[in-house]
Amino acid sequence: MASEVDYEAILLGAAAFDLSGLPKEYLTTTRSVQSITWVQSVFQSLGMRSLLGSSLRLEPFQYCVLHGRSCSALVLRQAQGYVSFLLPRSQLVDPSLLQWARTVRFGDLKRNPAFQTI
């Protein structure tokens, strides 16, 4: 029987975006890069998603992964908007991670002492 993964312990950061793709809040950990330039990349990808979605009818948006040199950003839609999770590049985006990411509440991450609000 497989053990459940503690994805909060793996995360390097998280960001919440409103339904139009504008950033609302950012969280980082002490293990993460101190730059939040990844949030800008996610913002740009959400703008591109909106443009492509309206012109090519690509709905519904499921998720996307943006790969950087040392990290990857998982971006997906939740009921209240979009969320992005900064992960080590080595982290596999598998069905259990996607299920966790779809259901985790951003407020719960904010209460986790491992995260700090920027």
PDB file of N, CA and C in Angstrom:
ATOM      1  N   MET A   1       0.841  -1.175   0.000  1.00  0.00           N
ATOM      2  CA  MET A   1       0.000   0.000   0.000  1.00  0.00           C
ATOM      3  C   MET A   1       0.890   1.244   0.000  1.00  0.00           C
ATOM      4  N   ALA A   2       0.644   2.153  -0.897  1.00  0.00           N
ATOM      5  CA  ALA A   2       1.459   3.364  -1.017  1.00  0.00           C
ATOM      6  C   ALA A   2       1.116   4.340   0.099  1.00  0.00           C
ATOM      7  N   SER A   3       2.132   4.993   0.616  1.00  0.00           N
ATOM      8  CA  SER A   3       1.888   5.990   1.650  1.00  0.00           C
ATOM      9  C   SER A   3       1.554   7.325   1.000  1.00  0.00           C
ATOM     10  N   GLU A   4       0.803   8.134   1.727  1.00  0.00           N
ATOM     11  CA  GLU A   4       0.397   9.431   1.202  1.00  0.00           C
ATOM     12  C   GLU A   4       1.566  10.410   1.275  1.00  0.00           C
ATOM     13  N   VAL A   5       1.733  11.191   0.239  1.00  0.00           N
ATOM     14  CA  VAL A   5       2.828  12.153   0.152  1.00  0.00           C
ATOM     15  C   VAL A   5       2.404  13.451   0.833  1.00  0.00           C
ATOM     16  N   ASP A   6       3.301  14.060   1.597  1.00  0.00           N
ATOM     17  CA  ASP A   6       3.053  15.362   2.219  1.00  0.00           C
ATOM     18  C   ASP A   6       3.478  16.444   1.230  1.00  0.00           C
ATOM     19  N   TYR A   7       2.561  16.839   0.358  1.00  0.00           N
ATOM     20  CA  TYR A   7       2.903  17.800  -0.686  1.00  0.00           C
ATOM     21  C   TYR A   7       3.237  19.177  -0.126  1.00  0.00           C
ATOM     22  N   GLU A   8       2.653  19.541   1.013  1.00  0.00           N
ATOM     23  CA  GLU A   8       2.998  20.835   1.612  1.00  0.00           C
ATOM     24  C   GLU A   8       4.479  20.895   1.957  1.00  0.00           C
ATOM     25  N   ALA A   9       5.058  19.774   2.344  1.00  0.00           N
ATOM     26  CA  ALA A   9       6.479  19.734   2.688  1.00  0.00           C
ATOM     27  C   ALA A   9       7.365  19.824   1.451  1.00  0.00           C
ATOM     28  N   ILE A  10       6.835  19.462   0.297  1.00  0.00           N
ATOM     29  CA  ILE A  10       7.596  19.494  -0.951  1.00  0.00           C
ATOM     30  C   ILE A  10       7.571  20.879  -1.592  1.00  0.00           C
ATOM     31  N   LEU A  11       6.471  21.612  -1.389  1.00  0.00           N
ATOM     32  CA  LEU A  11       6.302  22.919  -2.040  1.00  0.00           C
ATOM     33  C   LEU A  11       7.411  23.897  -1.694  1.00  0.00           C
ATOM     34  N   LEU A  12       7.788  24.689  -2.678  1.00  0.00           N
ATOM     35  CA  LEU A  12       8.742  25.780  -2.479  1.00  0.00           C
ATOM     36  C   LEU A  12       8.028  27.124  -2.419  1.00  0.00           C
ATOM     37  N   GLY A  13       6.813  27.156  -2.911  1.00  0.00           N
ATOM     38  CA  GLY A  13       6.033  28.383  -2.901  1.00  0.00           C
ATOM     39  C   GLY A  13       4.647  28.131  -3.455  1.00  0.00           C
ATOM     40  N   ALA A  14       3.783  29.122  -3.300  1.00  0.00           N
ATOM     41  CA  ALA A  14       2.422  29.034  -3.823  1.00  0.00           C
ATOM     42  C   ALA A  14       1.948  30.448  -4.122  1.00  0.00           C
ATOM     43  N   ALA A  15       1.057  30.555  -5.070  1.00  0.00           N
ATOM     44  CA  ALA A  15       0.485  31.858  -5.413  1.00  0.00           C
ATOM     45  C   ALA A  15      -0.983  31.666  -5.749  1.00  0.00           C
ATOM     46  N   ALA A  16      -1.789  32.644  -5.360  1.00  0.00           N
ATOM     47  CA  ALA A  16      -3.214  32.641  -5.678  1.00  0.00           C
ATOM     48  C   ALA A  16      -3.487  33.760  -6.673  1.00  0.00           C
ATOM     49  N   PHE A  17      -4.340  33.468  -7.639  1.00  0.00           N
ATOM     50  CA  PHE A  17      -4.719  34.419  -8.682  1.00  0.00           C
ATOM     51  C   PHE A  17      -6.239  34.480  -8.734  1.00  0.00           C
ATOM     52  N   ASP A  18      -6.783  35.639  -9.086  1.00  0.00           N
ATOM     53  CA  ASP A  18      -8.231  35.721  -9.222  1.00  0.00           C
ATOM     54  C   ASP A  18      -8.665  35.073 -10.536  1.00  0.00           C
ATOM     55  N   LEU A  19      -9.964  35.076 -10.795  1.00  0.00           N
ATOM     56  CA  LEU A  19     -10.486  34.401 -11.988  1.00  0.00           C
ATOM     57  C   LEU A  19     -10.039  35.045 -13.291  1.00  0.00           C
ATOM     58  N   SER A  20      -9.616  36.312 -13.232  1.00  0.00           N
ATOM     59  CA  SER A  20      -9.105  36.959 -14.445  1.00  0.00           C
ATOM     60  C   SER A  20      -7.602  36.738 -14.616  1.00  0.00           C
ATOM     61  N   GLY A  21      -6.973  36.051 -13.664  1.00  0.00           N
ATOM     62  CA  GLY A  21      -5.548  35.737 -13.761  1.00  0.00           C
ATOM     63  C   GLY A  21      -4.633  36.733 -13.087  1.00  0.00           C
ATOM     64  N   LEU A  22      -5.201  37.697 -12.353  1.00  0.00           N
ATOM     65  CA  LEU A  22      -4.367  38.677 -11.647  1.00  0.00           C
ATOM     66  C   LEU A  22      -3.884  38.095 -10.322  1.00  0.00           C
ATOM     67  N   PRO A  23      -2.598  38.264 -10.005  1.00  0.00           N
ATOM     68  CA  PRO A  23      -2.063  37.711  -8.754  1.00  0.00           C
ATOM     69  C   PRO A  23      -2.671  38.391  -7.530  1.00  0.00           C
ATOM     70  N   LYS A  24      -2.988  37.577  -6.504  1.00  0.00           N
ATOM     71  CA  LYS A  24      -3.551  38.089  -5.257  1.00  0.00           C
ATOM     72  C   LYS A  24      -2.582  37.949  -4.092  1.00  0.00           C
ATOM     73  N   GLU A  25      -2.028  36.755  -3.912  1.00  0.00           N
ATOM     74  CA  GLU A  25      -1.147  36.492  -2.769  1.00  0.00           C
ATOM     75  C   GLU A  25      -0.036  35.538  -3.176  1.00  0.00           C
ATOM     76  N   TYR A  26       1.115  35.673  -2.502  1.00  0.00           N
ATOM     77  CA  TYR A  26       2.258  34.790  -2.748  1.00  0.00           C
ATOM     78  C   TYR A  26       2.752  34.247  -1.418  1.00  0.00           C
ATOM     79  N   LEU A  27       3.159  33.008  -1.436  1.00  0.00           N
ATOM     80  CA  LEU A  27       3.775  32.377  -0.273  1.00  0.00           C
ATOM     81  C   LEU A  27       5.087  31.749  -0.705  1.00  0.00           C
ATOM     82  N   THR A  28       6.084  31.819   0.156  1.00  0.00           N
ATOM     83  CA  THR A  28       7.349  31.140  -0.107  1.00  0.00           C
ATOM     84  C   THR A  28       7.770  30.385   1.148  1.00  0.00           C
ATOM     85  N   THR A  29       8.757  29.530   0.984  1.00  0.00           N
ATOM     86  CA  THR A  29       9.346  28.830   2.120  1.00  0.00           C
ATOM     87  C   THR A  29      10.807  29.252   2.226  1.00  0.00           C
ATOM     88  N   THR A  30      11.442  28.871   3.305  1.00  0.00           N
ATOM     89  CA  THR A  30      12.861  29.194   3.469  1.00  0.00           C
ATOM     90  C   THR A  30      13.723  28.407   2.493  1.00  0.00           C
ATOM     91  N   ARG A  31      13.193  27.301   1.947  1.00  0.00           N
ATOM     92  CA  ARG A  31      13.939  26.494   0.981  1.00  0.00           C
ATOM     93  C   ARG A  31      13.821  27.038  -0.439  1.00  0.00           C
ATOM     94  N   SER A  32      12.916  27.968  -0.658  1.00  0.00           N
ATOM     95  CA  SER A  32      12.644  28.416  -2.029  1.00  0.00           C
ATOM     96  C   SER A  32      13.594  29.516  -2.465  1.00  0.00           C
ATOM     97  N   VAL A  33      13.565  29.749  -3.757  1.00  0.00           N
ATOM     98  CA  VAL A  33      14.307  30.879  -4.303  1.00  0.00           C
ATOM     99  C   VAL A  33      13.663  32.147  -3.754  1.00  0.00           C
ATOM    100  N   GLN A  34      14.446  33.141  -3.469  1.00  0.00           N
ATOM    101  CA  GLN A  34      13.899  34.364  -2.892  1.00  0.00           C
ATOM    102  C   GLN A  34      13.220  35.254  -3.928  1.00  0.00           C
ATOM    103  N   SER A  35      13.463  34.998  -5.176  1.00  0.00           N
ATOM    104  CA  SER A  35      12.828  35.748  -6.247  1.00  0.00           C
ATOM    105  C   SER A  35      11.420  35.207  -6.488  1.00  0.00           C
ATOM    106  N   ILE A  36      10.498  36.082  -6.801  1.00  0.00           N
ATOM    107  CA  ILE A  36       9.154  35.637  -7.150  1.00  0.00           C
ATOM    108  C   ILE A  36       8.879  35.852  -8.637  1.00  0.00           C
ATOM    109  N   THR A  37       9.935  35.829  -9.444  1.00  0.00           N
ATOM    110  CA  THR A  37       9.752  36.002 -10.886  1.00  0.00           C
ATOM    111  C   THR A  37       8.893  34.889 -11.479  1.00  0.00           C
ATOM    112  N   TRP A  38       8.842  33.744 -10.843  1.00  0.00           N
ATOM    113  CA  TRP A  38       7.992  32.654 -11.319  1.00  0.00           C
ATOM    114  C   TRP A  38       6.531  33.068 -11.326  1.00  0.00           C
ATOM    115  N   VAL A  39       6.136  33.949 -10.399  1.00  0.00           N
ATOM    116  CA  VAL A  39       4.749  34.419 -10.359  1.00  0.00           C
ATOM    117  C   VAL A  39       4.432  35.198 -11.631  1.00  0.00           C
ATOM    118  N   GLN A  40       5.393  35.988 -12.114  1.00  0.00           N
ATOM    119  CA  GLN A  40       5.211  36.729 -13.363  1.00  0.00           C
ATOM    120  C   GLN A  40       5.026  35.763 -14.534  1.00  0.00           C
ATOM    121  N   SER A  41       5.791  34.693 -14.566  1.00  0.00           N
ATOM    122  CA  SER A  41       5.646  33.696 -15.633  1.00  0.00           C
ATOM    123  C   SER A  41       4.269  33.040 -15.594  1.00  0.00           C
ATOM    124  N   VAL A  42       3.781  32.751 -14.396  1.00  0.00           N
ATOM    125  CA  VAL A  42       2.449  32.163 -14.263  1.00  0.00           C
ATOM    126  C   VAL A  42       1.395  33.162 -14.732  1.00  0.00           C
ATOM    127  N   PHE A  43       1.530  34.424 -14.325  1.00  0.00           N
ATOM    128  CA  PHE A  43       0.605  35.473 -14.751  1.00  0.00           C
ATOM    129  C   PHE A  43       0.553  35.547 -16.276  1.00  0.00           C
ATOM    130  N   GLN A  44       1.708  35.515 -16.916  1.00  0.00           N
ATOM    131  CA  GLN A  44       1.762  35.560 -18.379  1.00  0.00           C
ATOM    132  C   GLN A  44       1.120  34.319 -18.998  1.00  0.00           C
ATOM    133  N   SER A  45       1.329  33.161 -18.392  1.00  0.00           N
ATOM    134  CA  SER A  45       0.727  31.939 -18.941  1.00  0.00           C
ATOM    135  C   SER A  45      -0.793  31.966 -18.801  1.00  0.00           C
ATOM    136  N   LEU A  46      -1.300  32.547 -17.713  1.00  0.00           N
ATOM    137  CA  LEU A  46      -2.752  32.658 -17.559  1.00  0.00           C
ATOM    138  C   LEU A  46      -3.335  33.612 -18.596  1.00  0.00           C
ATOM    139  N   GLY A  47      -2.604  34.676 -18.912  1.00  0.00           N
ATOM    140  CA  GLY A  47      -3.042  35.577 -19.978  1.00  0.00           C
ATOM    141  C   GLY A  47      -3.077  34.862 -21.317  1.00  0.00           C
ATOM    142  N   MET A  48      -2.071  34.061 -21.587  1.00  0.00           N
ATOM    143  CA  MET A  48      -2.029  33.290 -22.828  1.00  0.00           C
ATOM    144  C   MET A  48      -3.146  32.254 -22.854  1.00  0.00           C
ATOM    145  N   ARG A  49      -3.395  31.619 -21.715  1.00  0.00           N
ATOM    146  CA  ARG A  49      -4.478  30.646 -21.623  1.00  0.00           C
ATOM    147  C   ARG A  49      -5.810  31.302 -21.956  1.00  0.00           C
ATOM    148  N   SER A  50      -6.030  32.496 -21.431  1.00  0.00           N
ATOM    149  CA  SER A  50      -7.271  33.219 -21.695  1.00  0.00           C
ATOM    150  C   SER A  50      -7.412  33.543 -23.179  1.00  0.00           C
ATOM    151  N   LEU A  51      -6.342  34.028 -23.770  1.00  0.00           N
ATOM    152  CA  LEU A  51      -6.352  34.368 -25.192  1.00  0.00           C
ATOM    153  C   LEU A  51      -6.610  33.130 -26.056  1.00  0.00           C
ATOM    154  N   LEU A  52      -5.869  32.066 -25.805  1.00  0.00           N
ATOM    155  CA  LEU A  52      -6.050  30.842 -26.586  1.00  0.00           C
ATOM    156  C   LEU A  52      -7.409  30.199 -26.326  1.00  0.00           C
ATOM    157  N   GLY A  53      -7.832  30.241 -25.074  1.00  0.00           N
ATOM    158  CA  GLY A  53      -9.119  29.644 -24.726  1.00  0.00           C
ATOM    159  C   GLY A  53     -10.279  30.309 -25.429  1.00  0.00           C
ATOM    160  N   SER A  54     -10.223  31.630 -25.570  1.00  0.00           N
ATOM    161  CA  SER A  54     -11.322  32.334 -26.226  1.00  0.00           C
ATOM    162  C   SER A  54     -11.277  32.183 -27.739  1.00  0.00           C
ATOM    163  N   SER A  55     -10.101  32.130 -28.317  1.00  0.00           N
ATOM    164  CA  SER A  55     -10.022  32.051 -29.777  1.00  0.00           C
ATOM    165  C   SER A  55     -10.063  30.614 -30.298  1.00  0.00           C
ATOM    166  N   LEU A  56      -9.569  29.662 -29.520  1.00  0.00           N
ATOM    167  CA  LEU A  56      -9.536  28.268 -29.979  1.00  0.00           C
ATOM    168  C   LEU A  56     -10.522  27.362 -29.244  1.00  0.00           C
ATOM    169  N   ARG A  57     -11.261  27.940 -28.321  1.00  0.00           N
ATOM    170  CA  ARG A  57     -12.234  27.182 -27.525  1.00  0.00           C
ATOM    171  C   ARG A  57     -11.585  25.956 -26.862  1.00  0.00           C
ATOM    172  N   LEU A  58     -10.581  26.235 -26.057  1.00  0.00           N
ATOM    173  CA  LEU A  58      -9.828  25.175 -25.384  1.00  0.00           C
ATOM    174  C   LEU A  58     -10.355  24.854 -23.989  1.00  0.00           C
ATOM    175  N   GLU A  59     -11.541  25.280 -23.682  1.00  0.00           N
ATOM    176  CA  GLU A  59     -12.100  25.031 -22.362  1.00  0.00           C
ATOM    177  C   GLU A  59     -12.458  23.561 -22.220  1.00  0.00           C
ATOM    178  N   PRO A  60     -12.517  22.987 -21.073  1.00  0.00           N
ATOM    179  CA  PRO A  60     -12.118  23.608 -19.823  1.00  0.00           C
ATOM    180  C   PRO A  60     -10.618  23.440 -19.577  1.00  0.00           C
ATOM    181  N   PHE A  61     -10.037  24.446 -18.977  1.00  0.00           N
ATOM    182  CA  PHE A  61      -8.622  24.424 -18.613  1.00  0.00           C
ATOM    183  C   PHE A  61      -8.435  23.427 -17.475  1.00  0.00           C
ATOM    184  N   GLN A  62      -7.511  22.496 -17.633  1.00  0.00           N
ATOM    185  CA  GLN A  62      -7.232  21.504 -16.597  1.00  0.00           C
ATOM    186  C   GLN A  62      -6.054  21.942 -15.732  1.00  0.00           C
ATOM    187  N   TYR A  63      -4.874  21.990 -16.334  1.00  0.00           N
ATOM    188  CA  TYR A  63      -3.680  22.443 -15.632  1.00  0.00           C
ATOM    189  C   TYR A  63      -2.576  22.633 -16.654  1.00  0.00           C
ATOM    190  N   CYS A  64      -1.523  23.317 -16.220  1.00  0.00           N
ATOM    191  CA  CYS A  64      -0.312  23.404 -17.036  1.00  0.00           C
ATOM    192  C   CYS A  64       0.881  23.389 -16.096  1.00  0.00           C
ATOM    193  N   VAL A  65       2.030  23.042 -16.642  1.00  0.00           N
ATOM    194  CA  VAL A  65       3.271  23.025 -15.872  1.00  0.00           C
ATOM    195  C   VAL A  65       4.280  23.876 -16.618  1.00  0.00           C
ATOM    196  N   LEU A  66       4.848  24.858 -15.921  1.00  0.00           N
ATOM    197  CA  LEU A  66       5.897  25.709 -16.474  1.00  0.00           C
ATOM    198  C   LEU A  66       7.218  25.236 -15.887  1.00  0.00           C
ATOM    199  N   HIS A  67       8.164  24.898 -16.748  1.00  0.00           N
ATOM    200  CA  HIS A  67       9.449  24.378 -16.286  1.00  0.00           C
ATOM    201  C   HIS A  67      10.511  25.466 -16.326  1.00  0.00           C
ATOM    202  N   GLY A  68      11.207  25.632 -15.199  1.00  0.00           N
ATOM    203  CA  GLY A  68      12.350  26.531 -15.118  1.00  0.00           C
ATOM    204  C   GLY A  68      13.620  25.717 -14.948  1.00  0.00           C
ATOM    205  N   ARG A  69      14.720  26.398 -14.667  1.00  0.00           N
ATOM    206  CA  ARG A  69      16.002  25.687 -14.505  1.00  0.00           C
ATOM    207  C   ARG A  69      16.004  24.746 -13.310  1.00  0.00           C
ATOM    208  N   SER A  70      15.520  25.238 -12.174  1.00  0.00           N
ATOM    209  CA  SER A  70      15.574  24.419 -10.968  1.00  0.00           C
ATOM    210  C   SER A  70      14.204  24.117 -10.377  1.00  0.00           C
ATOM    211  N   CYS A  71      13.172  24.771 -10.880  1.00  0.00           N
ATOM    212  CA  CYS A  71      11.829  24.611 -10.332  1.00  0.00           C
ATOM    213  C   CYS A  71      10.814  24.479 -11.455  1.00  0.00           C
ATOM    214  N   SER A  72       9.654  23.978 -11.082  1.00  0.00           N
ATOM    215  CA  SER A  72       8.510  23.929 -11.989  1.00  0.00           C
ATOM    216  C   SER A  72       7.322  24.541 -11.271  1.00  0.00           C
ATOM    217  N   ALA A  73       6.432  25.161 -12.023  1.00  0.00           N
ATOM    218  CA  ALA A  73       5.216  25.734 -11.456  1.00  0.00           C
ATOM    219  C   ALA A  73       4.018  24.985 -12.016  1.00  0.00           C
ATOM    220  N   LEU A  74       3.241  24.393 -11.137  1.00  0.00           N
ATOM    221  CA  LEU A  74       1.996  23.736 -11.499  1.00  0.00           C
ATOM    222  C   LEU A  74       0.890  24.775 -11.360  1.00  0.00           C
ATOM    223  N   VAL A  75       0.135  24.997 -12.419  1.00  0.00           N
ATOM    224  CA  VAL A  75      -0.933  26.003 -12.431  1.00  0.00           C
ATOM    225  C   VAL A  75      -2.245  25.288 -12.712  1.00  0.00           C
ATOM    226  N   LEU A  76      -3.264  25.558 -11.894  1.00  0.00           N
ATOM    227  CA  LEU A  76      -4.567  24.966 -12.136  1.00  0.00           C
ATOM    228  C   LEU A  76      -5.674  25.840 -11.590  1.00  0.00           C
ATOM    229  N   ARG A  77      -6.878  25.509 -11.988  1.00  0.00           N
ATOM    230  CA  ARG A  77      -8.040  26.283 -11.578  1.00  0.00           C
ATOM    231  C   ARG A  77      -8.694  25.617 -10.382  1.00  0.00           C
ATOM    232  N   GLN A  78      -9.031  26.448  -9.396  1.00  0.00           N
ATOM    233  CA  GLN A  78      -9.854  26.017  -8.280  1.00  0.00           C
ATOM    234  C   GLN A  78     -11.139  26.844  -8.343  1.00  0.00           C
ATOM    235  N   ALA A  79     -12.070  26.594  -7.458  1.00  0.00           N
ATOM    236  CA  ALA A  79     -13.366  27.277  -7.502  1.00  0.00           C
ATOM    237  C   ALA A  79     -13.235  28.795  -7.403  1.00  0.00           C
ATOM    238  N   GLN A  80     -12.324  29.281  -6.578  1.00  0.00           N
ATOM    239  CA  GLN A  80     -12.215  30.712  -6.322  1.00  0.00           C
ATOM    240  C   GLN A  80     -11.239  31.431  -7.241  1.00  0.00           C
ATOM    241  N   GLY A  81     -10.543  30.719  -8.081  1.00  0.00           N
ATOM    242  CA  GLY A  81      -9.569  31.340  -8.983  1.00  0.00           C
ATOM    243  C   GLY A  81      -8.523  30.327  -9.401  1.00  0.00           C
ATOM    244  N   TYR A  82      -7.362  30.825  -9.733  1.00  0.00           N
ATOM    245  CA  TYR A  82      -6.250  29.963 -10.136  1.00  0.00           C
ATOM    246  C   TYR A  82      -5.228  29.909  -9.011  1.00  0.00           C
ATOM    247  N   VAL A  83      -4.545  28.789  -8.912  1.00  0.00           N
ATOM    248  CA  VAL A  83      -3.452  28.645  -7.953  1.00  0.00           C
ATOM    249  C   VAL A  83      -2.245  28.087  -8.688  1.00  0.00           C
ATOM    250  N   SER A  84      -1.093  28.423  -8.171  1.00  0.00           N
ATOM    251  CA  SER A  84       0.152  27.907  -8.717  1.00  0.00           C
ATOM    252  C   SER A  84       1.008  27.425  -7.562  1.00  0.00           C
ATOM    253  N   PHE A  85       1.642  26.300  -7.770  1.00  0.00           N
ATOM    254  CA  PHE A  85       2.502  25.713  -6.756  1.00  0.00           C
ATOM    255  C   PHE A  85       3.900  25.570  -7.328  1.00  0.00           C
ATOM    256  N   LEU A  86       4.872  26.156  -6.649  1.00  0.00           N
ATOM    257  CA  LEU A  86       6.266  26.054  -7.063  1.00  0.00           C
ATOM    258  C   LEU A  86       6.838  24.769  -6.477  1.00  0.00           C
ATOM    259  N   LEU A  87       7.367  23.931  -7.355  1.00  0.00           N
ATOM    260  CA  LEU A  87       7.856  22.606  -6.978  1.00  0.00           C
ATOM    261  C   LEU A  87       9.301  22.435  -7.412  1.00  0.00           C
ATOM    262  N   PRO A  88      10.043  21.564  -6.733  1.00  0.00           N
ATOM    263  CA  PRO A  88      11.363  21.219  -7.259  1.00  0.00           C
ATOM    264  C   PRO A  88      11.195  20.621  -8.657  1.00  0.00           C
ATOM    265  N   ARG A  89      12.100  20.913  -9.531  1.00  0.00           N
ATOM    266  CA  ARG A  89      11.987  20.427 -10.917  1.00  0.00           C
ATOM    267  C   ARG A  89      11.900  18.904 -10.980  1.00  0.00           C
ATOM    268  N   SER A  90      12.480  18.238 -10.007  1.00  0.00           N
ATOM    269  CA  SER A  90      12.477  16.772  -9.990  1.00  0.00           C
ATOM    270  C   SER A  90      11.122  16.174  -9.584  1.00  0.00           C
ATOM    271  N   GLN A  91      10.212  16.996  -9.071  1.00  0.00           N
ATOM    272  CA  GLN A  91       8.917  16.484  -8.614  1.00  0.00           C
ATOM    273  C   GLN A  91       8.042  16.084  -9.801  1.00  0.00           C
ATOM    274  N   LEU A  92       7.610  14.853  -9.808  1.00  0.00           N
ATOM    275  CA  LEU A  92       6.735  14.338 -10.855  1.00  0.00           C
ATOM    276  C   LEU A  92       5.315  14.857 -10.633  1.00  0.00           C
ATOM    277  N   VAL A  93       4.700  15.371 -11.679  1.00  0.00           N
ATOM    278  CA  VAL A  93       3.302  15.799 -11.603  1.00  0.00           C
ATOM    279  C   VAL A  93       2.452  14.582 -11.966  1.00  0.00           C
ATOM    280  N   ASP A  94       1.974  13.910 -10.934  1.00  0.00           N
ATOM    281  CA  ASP A  94       1.198  12.688 -11.128  1.00  0.00           C
ATOM    282  C   ASP A  94      -0.245  12.906 -10.656  1.00  0.00           C
ATOM    283  N   PRO A  95      -1.124  11.938 -10.864  1.00  0.00           N
ATOM    284  CA  PRO A  95      -2.527  12.123 -10.485  1.00  0.00           C
ATOM    285  C   PRO A  95      -2.743  12.461  -9.011  1.00  0.00           C
ATOM    286  N   SER A  96      -1.944  11.904  -8.109  1.00  0.00           N
ATOM    287  CA  SER A  96      -2.146  12.213  -6.688  1.00  0.00           C
ATOM    288  C   SER A  96      -1.775  13.664  -6.378  1.00  0.00           C
ATOM    289  N   LEU A  97      -0.731  14.190  -7.002  1.00  0.00           N
ATOM    290  CA  LEU A  97      -0.376  15.599  -6.822  1.00  0.00           C
ATOM    291  C   LEU A  97      -1.478  16.491  -7.389  1.00  0.00           C
ATOM    292  N   LEU A  98      -1.983  16.161  -8.556  1.00  0.00           N
ATOM    293  CA  LEU A  98      -3.059  16.959  -9.153  1.00  0.00           C
ATOM    294  C   LEU A  98      -4.307  16.949  -8.277  1.00  0.00           C
ATOM    295  N   GLN A  99      -4.656  15.791  -7.726  1.00  0.00           N
ATOM    296  CA  GLN A  99      -5.822  15.709  -6.842  1.00  0.00           C
ATOM    297  C   GLN A  99      -5.616  16.571  -5.602  1.00  0.00           C
ATOM    298  N   TRP A 100      -4.436  16.493  -5.004  1.00  0.00           N
ATOM    299  CA  TRP A 100      -4.141  17.317  -3.835  1.00  0.00           C
ATOM    300  C   TRP A 100      -4.225  18.798  -4.202  1.00  0.00           C
ATOM    301  N   ALA A 101      -3.617  19.184  -5.319  1.00  0.00           N
ATOM    302  CA  ALA A 101      -3.573  20.588  -5.728  1.00  0.00           C
ATOM    303  C   ALA A 101      -4.963  21.140  -6.018  1.00  0.00           C
ATOM    304  N   ARG A 102      -5.859  20.312  -6.499  1.00  0.00           N
ATOM    305  CA  ARG A 102      -7.221  20.770  -6.796  1.00  0.00           C
ATOM    306  C   ARG A 102      -8.028  21.009  -5.526  1.00  0.00           C
ATOM    307  N   THR A 103      -7.665  20.341  -4.443  1.00  0.00           N
ATOM    308  CA  THR A 103      -8.489  20.407  -3.237  1.00  0.00           C
ATOM    309  C   THR A 103      -7.870  21.187  -2.079  1.00  0.00           C
ATOM    310  N   VAL A 104      -6.570  21.428  -2.100  1.00  0.00           N
ATOM    311  CA  VAL A 104      -5.938  22.139  -0.987  1.00  0.00           C
ATOM    312  C   VAL A 104      -6.446  23.581  -0.950  1.00  0.00           C
ATOM    313  N   ARG A 105      -6.627  24.097   0.245  1.00  0.00           N
ATOM    314  CA  ARG A 105      -7.077  25.483   0.406  1.00  0.00           C
ATOM    315  C   ARG A 105      -5.870  26.381   0.646  1.00  0.00           C
ATOM    316  N   PHE A 106      -5.844  27.480  -0.091  1.00  0.00           N
ATOM    317  CA  PHE A 106      -4.736  28.424   0.035  1.00  0.00           C
ATOM    318  C   PHE A 106      -4.630  28.933   1.474  1.00  0.00           C
ATOM    319  N   GLY A 107      -5.767  29.133   2.128  1.00  0.00           N
ATOM    320  CA  GLY A 107      -5.770  29.578   3.519  1.00  0.00           C
ATOM    321  C   GLY A 107      -5.071  28.604   4.450  1.00  0.00           C
ATOM    322  N   ASP A 108      -5.179  27.311   4.158  1.00  0.00           N
ATOM    323  CA  ASP A 108      -4.484  26.305   4.966  1.00  0.00           C
ATOM    324  C   ASP A 108      -2.974  26.443   4.810  1.00  0.00           C
ATOM    325  N   LEU A 109      -2.528  26.728   3.590  1.00  0.00           N
ATOM    326  CA  LEU A 109      -1.092  26.940   3.369  1.00  0.00           C
ATOM    327  C   LEU A 109      -0.620  28.182   4.123  1.00  0.00           C
ATOM    328  N   LYS A 110      -1.431  29.229   4.141  1.00  0.00           N
ATOM    329  CA  LYS A 110      -1.056  30.464   4.849  1.00  0.00           C
ATOM    330  C   LYS A 110      -0.889  30.220   6.342  1.00  0.00           C
ATOM    331  N   ARG A 111      -1.643  29.283   6.891  1.00  0.00           N
ATOM    332  CA  ARG A 111      -1.545  28.976   8.326  1.00  0.00           C
ATOM    333  C   ARG A 111      -0.386  28.037   8.647  1.00  0.00           C
ATOM    334  N   ASN A 112       0.189  27.425   7.628  1.00  0.00           N
ATOM    335  CA  ASN A 112       1.318  26.520   7.826  1.00  0.00           C
ATOM    336  C   ASN A 112       2.562  27.362   8.134  1.00  0.00           C
ATOM    337  N   PRO A 113       3.226  27.137   9.278  1.00  0.00           N
ATOM    338  CA  PRO A 113       4.389  27.956   9.645  1.00  0.00           C
ATOM    339  C   PRO A 113       5.574  27.831   8.688  1.00  0.00           C
ATOM    340  N   ALA A 114       5.570  26.839   7.823  1.00  0.00           N
ATOM    341  CA  ALA A 114       6.658  26.692   6.848  1.00  0.00           C
ATOM    342  C   ALA A 114       6.580  27.744   5.745  1.00  0.00           C
ATOM    343  N   PHE A 115       5.422  28.395   5.604  1.00  0.00           N
ATOM    344  CA  PHE A 115       5.224  29.381   4.542  1.00  0.00           C
ATOM    345  C   PHE A 115       5.193  30.787   5.107  1.00  0.00           C
ATOM    346  N   GLN A 116       5.715  31.709   4.333  1.00  0.00           N
ATOM    347  CA  GLN A 116       5.639  33.124   4.705  1.00  0.00           C
ATOM    348  C   GLN A 116       4.997  33.895   3.561  1.00  0.00           C
ATOM    349  N   THR A 117       4.153  34.847   3.908  1.00  0.00           N
ATOM    350  CA  THR A 117       3.489  35.679   2.910  1.00  0.00           C
ATOM    351  C   THR A 117       4.444  36.757   2.437  1.00  0.00           C
ATOM    352  N   ILE A 118       4.476  36.965   1.132  1.00  0.00           N
ATOM    353  CA  ILE A 118       5.321  38.028   0.566  1.00  0.00           C
ATOM    354  C   ILE A 118       4.444  39.215   0.251  1.00  0.00           C
TER     355      ILE A 118
END
